[in-house]
N, C-alpha and C. Protein backbone atom coordinates (compact mmCIF):
# COMPACT_ATOMS: atom_id res chain seq x y z
N MET A 1 10.33 -26.70 -29.66
CA MET A 1 9.93 -25.84 -28.57
C MET A 1 8.88 -24.86 -29.09
N LYS A 2 7.80 -24.74 -28.34
CA LYS A 2 6.74 -23.81 -28.72
C LYS A 2 6.59 -22.76 -27.61
N LEU A 3 6.69 -21.49 -28.01
CA LEU A 3 6.50 -20.40 -27.07
C LEU A 3 5.04 -20.01 -27.05
N LEU A 4 4.57 -19.50 -25.91
CA LEU A 4 3.20 -19.04 -25.84
C LEU A 4 3.00 -17.80 -26.72
N PHE A 5 4.04 -16.99 -26.85
CA PHE A 5 4.05 -15.85 -27.77
C PHE A 5 5.50 -15.51 -28.04
N ASP A 6 5.78 -14.92 -29.20
CA ASP A 6 7.14 -14.57 -29.55
C ASP A 6 7.53 -13.18 -29.06
N GLN A 7 6.53 -12.29 -28.99
CA GLN A 7 6.82 -10.91 -28.60
C GLN A 7 5.61 -10.33 -27.89
N ALA A 8 5.87 -9.49 -26.93
CA ALA A 8 4.80 -8.82 -26.19
C ALA A 8 5.32 -7.48 -25.71
N ILE A 9 4.43 -6.66 -25.19
CA ILE A 9 4.81 -5.37 -24.63
C ILE A 9 4.32 -5.32 -23.19
N ILE A 10 5.16 -4.81 -22.31
CA ILE A 10 4.81 -4.67 -20.90
C ILE A 10 5.21 -3.27 -20.45
N SER A 11 4.47 -2.74 -19.51
CA SER A 11 4.79 -1.44 -18.94
C SER A 11 5.30 -1.65 -17.52
N LEU A 12 6.49 -1.12 -17.24
CA LEU A 12 7.08 -1.20 -15.91
C LEU A 12 7.34 0.22 -15.43
N ALA A 13 6.66 0.62 -14.38
CA ALA A 13 6.75 1.98 -13.84
C ALA A 13 6.51 3.01 -14.94
N GLY A 14 5.55 2.72 -15.81
CA GLY A 14 5.16 3.66 -16.85
C GLY A 14 6.00 3.62 -18.11
N GLU A 15 7.06 2.83 -18.13
CA GLU A 15 7.90 2.72 -19.33
C GLU A 15 7.57 1.44 -20.07
N LYS A 16 7.40 1.56 -21.38
CA LYS A 16 7.07 0.41 -22.22
C LYS A 16 8.33 -0.39 -22.55
N TYR A 17 8.22 -1.69 -22.42
CA TYR A 17 9.30 -2.61 -22.80
C TYR A 17 8.73 -3.64 -23.76
N THR A 18 9.47 -3.91 -24.81
CA THR A 18 9.12 -5.00 -25.70
C THR A 18 9.80 -6.25 -25.18
N ILE A 19 9.04 -7.30 -25.03
CA ILE A 19 9.60 -8.59 -24.60
C ILE A 19 9.80 -9.43 -25.85
N GLN A 20 11.01 -9.87 -26.07
CA GLN A 20 11.30 -10.73 -27.22
C GLN A 20 11.93 -12.02 -26.72
N TYR A 21 11.37 -13.12 -27.18
CA TYR A 21 11.93 -14.42 -26.86
C TYR A 21 12.86 -14.81 -28.00
N LYS A 22 14.08 -15.19 -27.65
CA LYS A 22 15.07 -15.56 -28.66
C LYS A 22 15.62 -16.93 -28.31
N LYS A 23 15.69 -17.78 -29.30
CA LYS A 23 16.26 -19.11 -29.08
C LYS A 23 17.76 -18.99 -28.87
N SER A 24 18.24 -19.81 -27.96
CA SER A 24 19.64 -19.76 -27.61
C SER A 24 20.13 -21.17 -27.29
N ARG A 25 21.39 -21.41 -27.52
CA ARG A 25 21.98 -22.70 -27.19
C ARG A 25 22.60 -22.70 -25.78
N MET A 26 22.47 -21.58 -25.09
CA MET A 26 23.00 -21.51 -23.73
C MET A 26 22.25 -22.50 -22.83
N LEU A 27 22.96 -23.03 -21.86
CA LEU A 27 22.33 -23.98 -20.96
C LEU A 27 21.35 -23.30 -20.01
N LYS A 28 21.66 -22.07 -19.61
CA LYS A 28 20.82 -21.37 -18.63
C LYS A 28 20.09 -20.22 -19.31
N PRO A 29 18.76 -20.24 -19.29
CA PRO A 29 18.01 -19.11 -19.85
C PRO A 29 18.32 -17.83 -19.08
N ARG A 30 18.18 -16.69 -19.74
CA ARG A 30 18.44 -15.42 -19.06
C ARG A 30 17.62 -14.31 -19.69
N VAL A 31 17.49 -13.20 -18.95
CA VAL A 31 16.79 -12.00 -19.43
C VAL A 31 17.82 -10.88 -19.50
N VAL A 32 17.81 -10.16 -20.63
CA VAL A 32 18.72 -9.04 -20.81
C VAL A 32 17.88 -7.80 -21.12
N ASN A 33 18.12 -6.73 -20.37
CA ASN A 33 17.46 -5.45 -20.62
C ASN A 33 18.34 -4.68 -21.60
N SER A 34 17.86 -4.54 -22.83
CA SER A 34 18.65 -3.92 -23.88
C SER A 34 17.87 -2.78 -24.52
N GLN A 35 18.05 -1.57 -24.00
CA GLN A 35 17.47 -0.36 -24.57
C GLN A 35 15.97 -0.48 -24.84
N GLY A 36 15.21 -0.74 -23.78
CA GLY A 36 13.76 -0.82 -23.92
C GLY A 36 13.25 -2.16 -24.41
N LYS A 37 14.14 -3.12 -24.57
CA LYS A 37 13.74 -4.48 -24.94
C LYS A 37 14.18 -5.43 -23.84
N LEU A 38 13.28 -6.30 -23.46
CA LEU A 38 13.64 -7.38 -22.56
C LEU A 38 13.81 -8.61 -23.42
N GLU A 39 15.05 -8.99 -23.63
CA GLU A 39 15.35 -10.16 -24.47
C GLU A 39 15.45 -11.37 -23.56
N VAL A 40 14.57 -12.33 -23.79
CA VAL A 40 14.54 -13.54 -23.00
C VAL A 40 15.17 -14.64 -23.84
N TYR A 41 16.39 -15.01 -23.50
CA TYR A 41 17.10 -16.05 -24.24
C TYR A 41 16.70 -17.40 -23.68
N VAL A 42 16.18 -18.24 -24.53
CA VAL A 42 15.61 -19.50 -24.09
C VAL A 42 16.24 -20.67 -24.83
N GLY A 43 16.24 -21.80 -24.16
CA GLY A 43 16.74 -23.03 -24.77
C GLY A 43 15.59 -23.92 -25.14
N GLU A 44 15.77 -25.18 -24.93
CA GLU A 44 14.74 -26.17 -25.31
C GLU A 44 13.86 -26.55 -24.12
N THR A 45 13.67 -25.64 -23.21
CA THR A 45 12.85 -25.93 -22.03
C THR A 45 11.43 -25.46 -22.25
N SER A 46 10.58 -25.75 -21.32
CA SER A 46 9.16 -25.42 -21.39
C SER A 46 8.93 -23.92 -21.46
N ALA A 47 7.90 -23.51 -22.18
CA ALA A 47 7.52 -22.09 -22.27
C ALA A 47 7.17 -21.55 -20.90
N LEU A 48 6.63 -22.38 -20.01
CA LEU A 48 6.30 -21.92 -18.67
C LEU A 48 7.55 -21.54 -17.89
N ILE A 49 8.64 -22.24 -18.13
CA ILE A 49 9.91 -21.89 -17.48
C ILE A 49 10.37 -20.52 -17.95
N HIS A 50 10.20 -20.24 -19.23
CA HIS A 50 10.60 -18.94 -19.78
C HIS A 50 9.79 -17.82 -19.15
N HIS A 51 8.49 -18.04 -19.01
CA HIS A 51 7.64 -17.01 -18.41
C HIS A 51 7.96 -16.84 -16.92
N GLY A 52 8.31 -17.95 -16.26
CA GLY A 52 8.73 -17.87 -14.86
C GLY A 52 10.03 -17.09 -14.71
N LEU A 53 10.94 -17.28 -15.64
CA LEU A 53 12.20 -16.54 -15.64
C LEU A 53 11.94 -15.05 -15.81
N LEU A 54 11.06 -14.70 -16.73
CA LEU A 54 10.70 -13.30 -16.95
C LEU A 54 10.03 -12.72 -15.70
N LEU A 55 9.15 -13.47 -15.08
CA LEU A 55 8.48 -13.02 -13.87
C LEU A 55 9.50 -12.73 -12.76
N GLU A 56 10.48 -13.60 -12.59
CA GLU A 56 11.52 -13.38 -11.58
C GLU A 56 12.31 -12.12 -11.90
N TRP A 57 12.60 -11.88 -13.18
CA TRP A 57 13.31 -10.67 -13.56
C TRP A 57 12.48 -9.44 -13.20
N ILE A 58 11.17 -9.49 -13.48
CA ILE A 58 10.29 -8.37 -13.16
C ILE A 58 10.25 -8.14 -11.65
N LYS A 59 10.18 -9.20 -10.86
CA LYS A 59 10.17 -9.06 -9.40
C LYS A 59 11.47 -8.41 -8.90
N ASN A 60 12.59 -8.81 -9.47
CA ASN A 60 13.87 -8.21 -9.08
C ASN A 60 13.94 -6.75 -9.49
N TYR A 61 13.44 -6.45 -10.67
CA TYR A 61 13.39 -5.06 -11.14
C TYR A 61 12.52 -4.23 -10.20
N ALA A 62 11.37 -4.78 -9.82
CA ALA A 62 10.46 -4.09 -8.90
C ALA A 62 11.15 -3.83 -7.56
N ALA A 63 11.87 -4.82 -7.05
CA ALA A 63 12.56 -4.66 -5.77
C ALA A 63 13.58 -3.53 -5.85
N SER A 64 14.33 -3.48 -6.91
CA SER A 64 15.33 -2.44 -7.07
C SER A 64 14.69 -1.06 -7.20
N TYR A 65 13.68 -0.95 -8.05
CA TYR A 65 13.02 0.32 -8.31
C TYR A 65 12.31 0.84 -7.05
N ILE A 66 11.53 -0.01 -6.42
CA ILE A 66 10.75 0.40 -5.25
C ILE A 66 11.68 0.72 -4.08
N SER A 67 12.72 -0.06 -3.89
CA SER A 67 13.67 0.21 -2.80
C SER A 67 14.33 1.58 -2.98
N GLU A 68 14.75 1.87 -4.19
CA GLU A 68 15.39 3.16 -4.45
C GLU A 68 14.43 4.32 -4.22
N ARG A 69 13.20 4.20 -4.74
CA ARG A 69 12.20 5.26 -4.56
C ARG A 69 11.87 5.44 -3.07
N CYS A 70 11.77 4.33 -2.35
CA CYS A 70 11.44 4.39 -0.92
C CYS A 70 12.55 5.09 -0.15
N ARG A 71 13.80 4.74 -0.41
CA ARG A 71 14.92 5.41 0.26
C ARG A 71 14.92 6.91 -0.06
N ASN A 72 14.68 7.26 -1.32
CA ASN A 72 14.66 8.68 -1.71
C ASN A 72 13.55 9.45 -0.98
N HIS A 73 12.35 8.87 -0.97
CA HIS A 73 11.23 9.54 -0.29
C HIS A 73 11.46 9.62 1.22
N ALA A 74 12.01 8.57 1.80
CA ALA A 74 12.28 8.58 3.24
C ALA A 74 13.26 9.70 3.58
N GLN A 75 14.28 9.84 2.77
CA GLN A 75 15.27 10.89 3.01
C GLN A 75 14.65 12.28 2.79
N THR A 76 13.90 12.44 1.71
CA THR A 76 13.28 13.73 1.39
C THR A 76 12.34 14.20 2.49
N PHE A 77 11.52 13.28 3.01
CA PHE A 77 10.48 13.66 3.96
C PHE A 77 10.83 13.36 5.42
N GLY A 78 12.04 12.88 5.67
CA GLY A 78 12.49 12.68 7.04
C GLY A 78 11.94 11.46 7.74
N PHE A 79 11.73 10.38 7.00
CA PHE A 79 11.26 9.13 7.59
C PHE A 79 12.44 8.17 7.74
N SER A 80 12.31 7.27 8.68
CA SER A 80 13.32 6.24 8.88
C SER A 80 12.61 4.91 9.07
N PHE A 81 12.95 3.94 8.23
CA PHE A 81 12.33 2.62 8.34
C PHE A 81 13.39 1.58 8.65
N ASN A 82 12.93 0.45 9.13
CA ASN A 82 13.82 -0.63 9.53
C ASN A 82 14.20 -1.51 8.34
N LYS A 83 13.23 -2.21 7.80
CA LYS A 83 13.48 -3.19 6.74
C LYS A 83 12.44 -3.00 5.64
N LEU A 84 12.84 -3.28 4.42
CA LEU A 84 11.93 -3.19 3.28
C LEU A 84 11.91 -4.54 2.57
N VAL A 85 10.70 -5.05 2.32
CA VAL A 85 10.54 -6.36 1.68
C VAL A 85 9.56 -6.22 0.51
N ILE A 86 9.89 -6.84 -0.59
CA ILE A 86 9.00 -6.90 -1.74
C ILE A 86 8.35 -8.27 -1.74
N ARG A 87 7.04 -8.30 -1.82
CA ARG A 87 6.29 -9.56 -1.73
C ARG A 87 5.40 -9.77 -2.94
N ASP A 88 4.89 -10.96 -3.03
CA ASP A 88 3.88 -11.32 -4.03
C ASP A 88 2.57 -11.46 -3.27
N GLN A 89 1.89 -10.32 -3.08
CA GLN A 89 0.67 -10.31 -2.29
C GLN A 89 -0.55 -10.36 -3.20
N ARG A 90 -1.63 -10.89 -2.71
CA ARG A 90 -2.84 -11.04 -3.50
C ARG A 90 -3.86 -9.93 -3.31
N SER A 91 -3.71 -9.14 -2.27
CA SER A 91 -4.75 -8.13 -2.04
C SER A 91 -4.23 -6.78 -1.56
N ARG A 92 -2.96 -6.65 -1.28
CA ARG A 92 -2.44 -5.40 -0.74
C ARG A 92 -1.35 -4.83 -1.63
N TRP A 93 -1.29 -3.51 -1.67
CA TRP A 93 -0.21 -2.84 -2.38
C TRP A 93 0.99 -2.65 -1.47
N GLY A 94 0.73 -2.46 -0.18
CA GLY A 94 1.81 -2.26 0.76
C GLY A 94 1.31 -2.34 2.18
N SER A 95 2.24 -2.40 3.11
CA SER A 95 1.90 -2.39 4.53
C SER A 95 3.11 -1.91 5.33
N CYS A 96 2.83 -1.51 6.56
CA CYS A 96 3.85 -1.01 7.47
C CYS A 96 3.61 -1.65 8.84
N SER A 97 4.65 -2.21 9.43
CA SER A 97 4.49 -2.83 10.74
C SER A 97 4.88 -1.85 11.84
N SER A 98 4.48 -2.16 13.05
CA SER A 98 4.82 -1.31 14.20
C SER A 98 6.33 -1.34 14.48
N LYS A 99 7.04 -2.29 13.91
CA LYS A 99 8.51 -2.36 14.06
C LYS A 99 9.24 -1.51 13.02
N GLY A 100 8.47 -0.84 12.16
CA GLY A 100 9.09 0.01 11.14
C GLY A 100 9.48 -0.73 9.88
N ASN A 101 8.91 -1.92 9.68
CA ASN A 101 9.19 -2.69 8.47
C ASN A 101 8.16 -2.35 7.40
N LEU A 102 8.62 -2.17 6.18
CA LEU A 102 7.74 -1.85 5.05
C LEU A 102 7.68 -3.03 4.10
N ASN A 103 6.47 -3.34 3.64
CA ASN A 103 6.24 -4.40 2.66
C ASN A 103 5.54 -3.79 1.46
N PHE A 104 5.99 -4.17 0.27
CA PHE A 104 5.37 -3.69 -0.95
C PHE A 104 5.14 -4.85 -1.90
N ASN A 105 4.07 -4.76 -2.65
CA ASN A 105 3.72 -5.76 -3.63
C ASN A 105 4.52 -5.52 -4.91
N PHE A 106 5.13 -6.56 -5.45
CA PHE A 106 5.92 -6.38 -6.66
C PHE A 106 5.07 -5.89 -7.83
N ARG A 107 3.75 -6.15 -7.78
CA ARG A 107 2.86 -5.73 -8.87
C ARG A 107 2.78 -4.21 -9.02
N LEU A 108 3.21 -3.49 -8.00
CA LEU A 108 3.25 -2.02 -8.11
C LEU A 108 4.04 -1.58 -9.33
N ILE A 109 5.06 -2.34 -9.69
CA ILE A 109 5.91 -1.97 -10.82
C ILE A 109 5.12 -1.95 -12.13
N LEU A 110 3.98 -2.63 -12.17
CA LEU A 110 3.15 -2.66 -13.38
C LEU A 110 2.28 -1.42 -13.51
N THR A 111 2.25 -0.59 -12.48
CA THR A 111 1.43 0.62 -12.48
C THR A 111 2.29 1.82 -12.88
N LEU A 112 1.76 3.00 -12.67
CA LEU A 112 2.45 4.23 -13.02
C LEU A 112 3.40 4.68 -11.92
N PRO A 113 4.44 5.43 -12.26
CA PRO A 113 5.37 5.91 -11.22
C PRO A 113 4.68 6.69 -10.10
N GLN A 114 3.66 7.46 -10.45
CA GLN A 114 2.96 8.24 -9.43
C GLN A 114 2.21 7.36 -8.45
N THR A 115 1.65 6.24 -8.93
CA THR A 115 0.96 5.34 -8.00
C THR A 115 1.96 4.63 -7.10
N ILE A 116 3.10 4.30 -7.65
CA ILE A 116 4.16 3.68 -6.83
C ILE A 116 4.57 4.66 -5.73
N ASP A 117 4.79 5.91 -6.12
CA ASP A 117 5.17 6.92 -5.13
C ASP A 117 4.08 7.12 -4.09
N TYR A 118 2.83 7.11 -4.52
CA TYR A 118 1.73 7.27 -3.56
C TYR A 118 1.74 6.14 -2.53
N VAL A 119 1.87 4.91 -2.97
CA VAL A 119 1.85 3.78 -2.03
C VAL A 119 3.06 3.86 -1.09
N ILE A 120 4.21 4.21 -1.63
CA ILE A 120 5.41 4.34 -0.79
C ILE A 120 5.19 5.42 0.27
N ILE A 121 4.72 6.59 -0.16
CA ILE A 121 4.50 7.69 0.78
C ILE A 121 3.43 7.32 1.81
N HIS A 122 2.38 6.65 1.36
CA HIS A 122 1.32 6.19 2.27
C HIS A 122 1.93 5.33 3.39
N GLU A 123 2.74 4.37 3.00
CA GLU A 123 3.33 3.46 4.00
C GLU A 123 4.36 4.18 4.86
N LEU A 124 5.15 5.08 4.29
CA LEU A 124 6.10 5.84 5.08
C LEU A 124 5.37 6.68 6.14
N CYS A 125 4.24 7.26 5.77
CA CYS A 125 3.47 8.07 6.73
C CYS A 125 2.96 7.24 7.89
N HIS A 126 2.75 5.94 7.65
CA HIS A 126 2.34 5.05 8.75
C HIS A 126 3.44 4.90 9.80
N LEU A 127 4.67 5.23 9.44
CA LEU A 127 5.75 5.17 10.43
C LEU A 127 5.53 6.20 11.53
N LYS A 128 4.83 7.27 11.20
CA LYS A 128 4.53 8.32 12.20
C LYS A 128 3.11 8.23 12.72
N GLU A 129 2.19 7.74 11.90
CA GLU A 129 0.78 7.60 12.28
C GLU A 129 0.31 6.21 11.86
N MET A 130 0.19 5.31 12.82
CA MET A 130 -0.18 3.92 12.50
C MET A 130 -1.70 3.75 12.41
N ASN A 131 -2.34 4.63 11.68
CA ASN A 131 -3.79 4.60 11.54
C ASN A 131 -4.16 5.39 10.29
N HIS A 132 -5.44 5.54 10.04
CA HIS A 132 -5.91 6.36 8.91
C HIS A 132 -6.72 7.56 9.43
N SER A 133 -6.18 8.19 10.45
CA SER A 133 -6.83 9.36 11.05
C SER A 133 -6.65 10.59 10.15
N ASN A 134 -7.32 11.67 10.51
CA ASN A 134 -7.14 12.93 9.78
C ASN A 134 -5.68 13.39 9.82
N LYS A 135 -5.03 13.14 10.94
CA LYS A 135 -3.62 13.51 11.09
C LYS A 135 -2.75 12.74 10.07
N PHE A 136 -3.08 11.46 9.91
CA PHE A 136 -2.36 10.64 8.93
C PHE A 136 -2.54 11.21 7.53
N TRP A 137 -3.79 11.45 7.12
CA TRP A 137 -4.06 11.92 5.76
C TRP A 137 -3.47 13.31 5.53
N SER A 138 -3.41 14.11 6.56
CA SER A 138 -2.78 15.42 6.45
C SER A 138 -1.29 15.27 6.16
N LEU A 139 -0.67 14.30 6.82
CA LEU A 139 0.75 14.02 6.60
C LEU A 139 0.99 13.53 5.17
N VAL A 140 0.12 12.62 4.70
CA VAL A 140 0.23 12.14 3.31
C VAL A 140 0.13 13.32 2.35
N GLU A 141 -0.84 14.20 2.60
CA GLU A 141 -1.04 15.36 1.71
C GLU A 141 0.14 16.33 1.75
N GLN A 142 0.78 16.46 2.88
CA GLN A 142 1.98 17.31 2.96
C GLN A 142 3.09 16.76 2.07
N CYS A 143 3.21 15.46 2.04
CA CYS A 143 4.26 14.81 1.24
C CYS A 143 3.89 14.73 -0.24
N MET A 144 2.60 14.55 -0.52
CA MET A 144 2.14 14.37 -1.90
C MET A 144 0.78 15.04 -2.04
N PRO A 145 0.76 16.33 -2.34
CA PRO A 145 -0.51 17.07 -2.39
C PRO A 145 -1.57 16.46 -3.31
N GLU A 146 -1.16 15.81 -4.39
CA GLU A 146 -2.12 15.23 -5.34
C GLU A 146 -2.41 13.75 -5.07
N TYR A 147 -2.18 13.30 -3.84
CA TYR A 147 -2.31 11.87 -3.54
C TYR A 147 -3.70 11.31 -3.87
N LYS A 148 -4.76 12.13 -3.74
CA LYS A 148 -6.12 11.62 -3.96
C LYS A 148 -6.32 11.13 -5.40
N VAL A 149 -5.65 11.75 -6.35
CA VAL A 149 -5.73 11.31 -7.75
C VAL A 149 -5.21 9.88 -7.89
N TRP A 150 -4.07 9.60 -7.25
CA TRP A 150 -3.44 8.28 -7.39
C TRP A 150 -4.10 7.23 -6.50
N GLU A 151 -4.65 7.67 -5.38
CA GLU A 151 -5.44 6.76 -4.55
C GLU A 151 -6.66 6.30 -5.34
N LYS A 152 -7.34 7.22 -6.01
CA LYS A 152 -8.51 6.89 -6.81
C LYS A 152 -8.11 6.00 -8.00
N TRP A 153 -6.99 6.33 -8.63
CA TRP A 153 -6.53 5.52 -9.77
C TRP A 153 -6.35 4.07 -9.33
N LEU A 154 -5.71 3.86 -8.18
CA LEU A 154 -5.50 2.50 -7.69
C LEU A 154 -6.81 1.78 -7.39
N LYS A 155 -7.78 2.50 -6.85
CA LYS A 155 -9.07 1.88 -6.54
C LYS A 155 -9.79 1.45 -7.81
N VAL A 156 -9.67 2.25 -8.87
CA VAL A 156 -10.37 1.95 -10.12
C VAL A 156 -9.58 0.98 -10.99
N GLU A 157 -8.33 1.31 -11.25
CA GLU A 157 -7.51 0.54 -12.19
C GLU A 157 -6.74 -0.61 -11.54
N GLY A 158 -6.46 -0.47 -10.27
CA GLY A 158 -5.59 -1.43 -9.59
C GLY A 158 -6.10 -2.85 -9.53
N LYS A 159 -7.40 -3.03 -9.61
CA LYS A 159 -7.99 -4.38 -9.51
C LYS A 159 -7.50 -5.31 -10.62
N ARG A 160 -7.17 -4.77 -11.75
CA ARG A 160 -6.76 -5.63 -12.87
C ARG A 160 -5.37 -6.25 -12.68
N TYR A 161 -4.63 -5.82 -11.66
CA TYR A 161 -3.28 -6.34 -11.44
C TYR A 161 -3.26 -7.51 -10.46
N PHE A 162 -4.42 -7.83 -9.88
CA PHE A 162 -4.47 -8.95 -8.93
C PHE A 162 -5.15 -10.15 -9.54
C-alpha cells in the first residue's frame, strides 16, 4: 500500500491539526481526533479511499461546528431559522431561502473562526432582510461591527478554497 503522504497539517476553524496515516489491520478505516492529531487508520485499500474517509470526517466536523455556531448566534441575536444544511458548494459560502432554510459550504471550516461567524451572521441577517440593502448591512454591522474585515478576507483569501 502506498499513501500519497504519511503526514500533513490542516487548519480547521483556525486550529492546526496534524494528519497522520497509520497502518491498521482493522477491516474498516477510521479517523480519530486525538489531541490535535487526526489519526487516519488505514488498511490495504487505495490511498484515495483514505483521503475520501478524511474528507468525510472533515465534512462532519464542519457540520457540527457550523451548526453549533449558527444556533449560538441565532439565539444571541434573536434569529429563528427553519433548517440548516451543510453542502459541498463550488461557488458560495452560504445562502438563505425565503422559507428560513440556511445552507453553508463545508469549506468554511478551512477558514478562520471569524470568517465562519461572518458568513453565519450574514445568512442569519437575510432571515430579516432578504436583500443586500443598506438596512441589511446595518443589521449585519449591529451583530458584527468588524464584519468588513472578514468580508474582505473572504474576497481575497477565500478563492483558494474552491
